[in-house]
């Protein structure tokens, strides 16, 4: 699935989470992902 919501500057973990969330939303599901980067930043993707 191609998504336009990613950000090339954010890295693979973040973009993989965004892609997964977009995929689940396309199926009509509600979910969230927690992404922890190597520098300890935490993002919640919904």
PDB file of N, CA and C in Angstrom:
ATOM      1  N   UNK A   1       0.841  -1.178   0.000  1.00  0.00           N
ATOM      2  CA  UNK A   1       0.000   0.000   0.000  1.00  0.00           C
ATOM      3  C   UNK A   1       0.885   1.240   0.000  1.00  0.00           C
ATOM      4  N   UNK A   2       0.585   2.179  -0.852  1.00  0.00           N
ATOM      5  CA  UNK A   2       1.335   3.430  -0.920  1.00  0.00           C
ATOM      6  C   UNK A   2       0.630   4.460  -0.060  1.00  0.00           C
ATOM      7  N   UNK A   3       1.401   5.159   0.744  1.00  0.00           N
ATOM      8  CA  UNK A   3       0.834   6.217   1.574  1.00  0.00           C
ATOM      9  C   UNK A   3       1.603   7.505   1.339  1.00  0.00           C
ATOM     10  N   UNK A   4       0.929   8.616   1.457  1.00  0.00           N
ATOM     11  CA  UNK A   4       1.571   9.918   1.273  1.00  0.00           C
ATOM     12  C   UNK A   4       1.748  10.619   2.614  1.00  0.00           C
ATOM     13  N   UNK A   5       1.516   9.918   3.710  1.00  0.00           N
ATOM     14  CA  UNK A   5       1.576  10.524   5.031  1.00  0.00           C
ATOM     15  C   UNK A   5       2.931  10.391   5.704  1.00  0.00           C
ATOM     16  N   UNK A   6       3.855   9.663   5.119  1.00  0.00           N
ATOM     17  CA  UNK A   6       5.171   9.478   5.724  1.00  0.00           C
ATOM     18  C   UNK A   6       6.035  10.725   5.592  1.00  0.00           C
ATOM     19  N   UNK A   7       7.192  10.683   6.223  1.00  0.00           N
ATOM     20  CA  UNK A   7       8.139  11.794   6.191  1.00  0.00           C
ATOM     21  C   UNK A   7       9.535  11.206   6.092  1.00  0.00           C
ATOM     22  N   UNK A   8      10.203  11.430   4.972  1.00  0.00           N
ATOM     23  CA  UNK A   8      11.507  10.798   4.756  1.00  0.00           C
ATOM     24  C   UNK A   8      12.536  11.194   5.809  1.00  0.00           C
ATOM     25  N   UNK A   9      12.346  12.303   6.469  1.00  0.00           N
ATOM     26  CA  UNK A   9      13.272  12.729   7.506  1.00  0.00           C
ATOM     27  C   UNK A   9      13.057  12.051   8.842  1.00  0.00           C
ATOM     28  N   UNK A  10      11.980  11.302   8.984  1.00  0.00           N
ATOM     29  CA  UNK A  10      11.649  10.704  10.280  1.00  0.00           C
ATOM     30  C   UNK A  10      12.240   9.323  10.486  1.00  0.00           C
ATOM     31  N   UNK A  11      12.616   8.648   9.441  1.00  0.00           N
ATOM     32  CA  UNK A  11      13.228   7.332   9.584  1.00  0.00           C
ATOM     33  C   UNK A  11      12.271   6.189   9.325  1.00  0.00           C
ATOM     34  N   UNK A  12      12.854   4.995   9.263  1.00  0.00           N
ATOM     35  CA  UNK A  12      12.111   3.800   8.864  1.00  0.00           C
ATOM     36  C   UNK A  12      11.077   3.370   9.894  1.00  0.00           C
ATOM     37  N   UNK A  13      11.408   3.445  11.178  1.00  0.00           N
ATOM     38  CA  UNK A  13      10.444   3.009  12.201  1.00  0.00           C
ATOM     39  C   UNK A  13       9.166   3.832  12.129  1.00  0.00           C
ATOM     40  N   UNK A  14       9.318   5.134  12.095  1.00  0.00           N
ATOM     41  CA  UNK A  14       8.167   6.027  12.047  1.00  0.00           C
ATOM     42  C   UNK A  14       7.355   5.795  10.777  1.00  0.00           C
ATOM     43  N   UNK A  15       8.027   5.758   9.633  1.00  0.00           N
ATOM     44  CA  UNK A  15       7.320   5.588   8.364  1.00  0.00           C
ATOM     45  C   UNK A  15       6.646   4.226   8.252  1.00  0.00           C
ATOM     46  N   UNK A  16       7.248   3.195   8.813  1.00  0.00           N
ATOM     47  CA  UNK A  16       6.608   1.878   8.822  1.00  0.00           C
ATOM     48  C   UNK A  16       5.344   1.906   9.665  1.00  0.00           C
ATOM     49  N   UNK A  17       5.394   2.596  10.788  1.00  0.00           N
ATOM     50  CA  UNK A  17       4.211   2.710  11.644  1.00  0.00           C
ATOM     51  C   UNK A  17       3.101   3.468  10.928  1.00  0.00           C
ATOM     52  N   UNK A  18       3.445   4.567  10.269  1.00  0.00           N
ATOM     53  CA  UNK A  18       2.451   5.350   9.528  1.00  0.00           C
ATOM     54  C   UNK A  18       1.821   4.500   8.432  1.00  0.00           C
ATOM     55  N   UNK A  19       2.639   3.761   7.712  1.00  0.00           N
ATOM     56  CA  UNK A  19       2.131   2.904   6.635  1.00  0.00           C
ATOM     57  C   UNK A  19       1.181   1.839   7.193  1.00  0.00           C
ATOM     58  N   UNK A  20       1.554   1.229   8.316  1.00  0.00           N
ATOM     59  CA  UNK A  20       0.715   0.203   8.933  1.00  0.00           C
ATOM     60  C   UNK A  20      -0.613   0.798   9.407  1.00  0.00           C
ATOM     61  N   UNK A  21      -0.571   1.943  10.058  1.00  0.00           N
ATOM     62  CA  UNK A  21      -1.794   2.578  10.544  1.00  0.00           C
ATOM     63  C   UNK A  21      -2.701   2.941   9.364  1.00  0.00           C
ATOM     64  N   UNK A  22      -2.137   3.483   8.297  1.00  0.00           N
ATOM     65  CA  UNK A  22      -2.936   3.801   7.106  1.00  0.00           C
ATOM     66  C   UNK A  22      -3.597   2.550   6.534  1.00  0.00           C
ATOM     67  N   UNK A  23      -2.863   1.449   6.504  1.00  0.00           N
ATOM     68  CA  UNK A  23      -3.400   0.183   6.004  1.00  0.00           C
ATOM     69  C   UNK A  23      -4.577  -0.276   6.860  1.00  0.00           C
ATOM     70  N   UNK A  24      -4.417  -0.240   8.185  1.00  0.00           N
ATOM     71  CA  UNK A  24      -5.495  -0.696   9.073  1.00  0.00           C
ATOM     72  C   UNK A  24      -6.709   0.219   8.969  1.00  0.00           C
ATOM     73  N   UNK A  25      -6.471   1.531   8.831  1.00  0.00           N
ATOM     74  CA  UNK A  25      -7.590   2.468   8.664  1.00  0.00           C
ATOM     75  C   UNK A  25      -8.355   2.178   7.378  1.00  0.00           C
ATOM     76  N   UNK A  26      -7.630   1.809   6.312  1.00  0.00           N
ATOM     77  CA  UNK A  26      -8.281   1.481   5.041  1.00  0.00           C
ATOM     78  C   UNK A  26      -9.190   0.269   5.183  1.00  0.00           C
ATOM     79  N   UNK A  27      -8.897  -0.583   6.154  1.00  0.00           N
ATOM     80  CA  UNK A  27      -9.735  -1.750   6.428  1.00  0.00           C
ATOM     81  C   UNK A  27     -10.879  -1.420   7.380  1.00  0.00           C
ATOM     82  N   UNK A  28     -10.961  -0.163   7.814  1.00  0.00           N
ATOM     83  CA  UNK A  28     -12.026   0.262   8.708  1.00  0.00           C
ATOM     84  C   UNK A  28     -11.741  -0.007  10.170  1.00  0.00           C
ATOM     85  N   UNK A  29     -10.495  -0.253  10.504  1.00  0.00           N
ATOM     86  CA  UNK A  29     -10.124  -0.557  11.883  1.00  0.00           C
ATOM     87  C   UNK A  29      -9.522   0.673  12.558  1.00  0.00           C
ATOM     88  N   UNK A  30      -9.598   0.691  13.872  1.00  0.00           N
ATOM     89  CA  UNK A  30      -8.988   1.743  14.667  1.00  0.00           C
ATOM     90  C   UNK A  30      -7.798   1.152  15.398  1.00  0.00           C
ATOM     91  N   UNK A  31      -6.661   1.814  15.307  1.00  0.00           N
ATOM     92  CA  UNK A  31      -5.481   1.323  16.014  1.00  0.00           C
ATOM     93  C   UNK A  31      -4.502   2.463  16.217  1.00  0.00           C
ATOM     94  N   UNK A  32      -3.449   2.189  16.971  1.00  0.00           N
ATOM     95  CA  UNK A  32      -2.389   3.164  17.164  1.00  0.00           C
ATOM     96  C   UNK A  32      -1.067   2.435  17.259  1.00  0.00           C
ATOM     97  N   UNK A  33       0.014   3.173  17.033  1.00  0.00           N
ATOM     98  CA  UNK A  33       1.357   2.610  17.140  1.00  0.00           C
ATOM     99  C   UNK A  33       2.196   3.539  18.002  1.00  0.00           C
ATOM    100  N   UNK A  34       3.074   2.951  18.787  1.00  0.00           N
ATOM    101  CA  UNK A  34       4.033   3.712  19.580  1.00  0.00           C
ATOM    102  C   UNK A  34       5.406   3.457  18.971  1.00  0.00           C
ATOM    103  N   UNK A  35       6.084   4.528  18.576  1.00  0.00           N
ATOM    104  CA  UNK A  35       7.389   4.426  17.930  1.00  0.00           C
ATOM    105  C   UNK A  35       8.430   5.033  18.860  1.00  0.00           C
ATOM    106  N   UNK A  36       9.432   4.228  19.228  1.00  0.00           N
ATOM    107  CA  UNK A  36      10.523   4.704  20.073  1.00  0.00           C
ATOM    108  C   UNK A  36      11.787   4.715  19.224  1.00  0.00           C
ATOM    109  N   UNK A  37      12.367   5.895  19.043  1.00  0.00           N
ATOM    110  CA  UNK A  37      13.561   6.014  18.212  1.00  0.00           C
ATOM    111  C   UNK A  37      14.817   5.741  19.035  1.00  0.00           C
ATOM    112  N   UNK A  38      15.936   5.615  18.345  1.00  0.00           N
ATOM    113  CA  UNK A  38      17.205   5.345  19.021  1.00  0.00           C
ATOM    114  C   UNK A  38      17.597   6.457  19.981  1.00  0.00           C
ATOM    115  N   UNK A  39      17.187   7.682  19.702  1.00  0.00           N
ATOM    116  CA  UNK A  39      17.530   8.788  20.598  1.00  0.00           C
ATOM    117  C   UNK A  39      16.477   9.000  21.686  1.00  0.00           C
ATOM    118  N   UNK A  40      15.612   8.009  21.882  1.00  0.00           N
ATOM    119  CA  UNK A  40      14.610   7.945  22.954  1.00  0.00           C
ATOM    120  C   UNK A  40      13.394   8.838  22.728  1.00  0.00           C
ATOM    121  N   UNK A  41      13.238   9.416  21.547  1.00  0.00           N
ATOM    122  CA  UNK A  41      12.000  10.127  21.250  1.00  0.00           C
ATOM    123  C   UNK A  41      10.876   9.116  21.102  1.00  0.00           C
ATOM    124  N   UNK A  42       9.703   9.490  21.586  1.00  0.00           N
ATOM    125  CA  UNK A  42       8.539   8.610  21.506  1.00  0.00           C
ATOM    126  C   UNK A  42       7.453   9.327  20.712  1.00  0.00           C
ATOM    127  N   UNK A  43       6.922   8.647  19.708  1.00  0.00           N
ATOM    128  CA  UNK A  43       5.813   9.171  18.909  1.00  0.00           C
ATOM    129  C   UNK A  43       4.656   8.197  18.990  1.00  0.00           C
ATOM    130  N   UNK A  44       3.450   8.752  19.086  1.00  0.00           N
ATOM    131  CA  UNK A  44       2.243   7.940  19.024  1.00  0.00           C
ATOM    132  C   UNK A  44       1.573   8.267  17.700  1.00  0.00           C
ATOM    133  N   UNK A  45       1.374   7.249  16.884  1.00  0.00           N
ATOM    134  CA  UNK A  45       0.788   7.421  15.555  1.00  0.00           C
ATOM    135  C   UNK A  45      -0.622   6.860  15.595  1.00  0.00           C
ATOM    136  N   UNK A  46      -1.593   7.692  15.181  1.00  0.00           N
ATOM    137  CA  UNK A  46      -2.992   7.239  15.146  1.00  0.00           C
ATOM    138  C   UNK A  46      -3.586   7.480  13.786  1.00  0.00           C
TER     139      UNK A  46
END
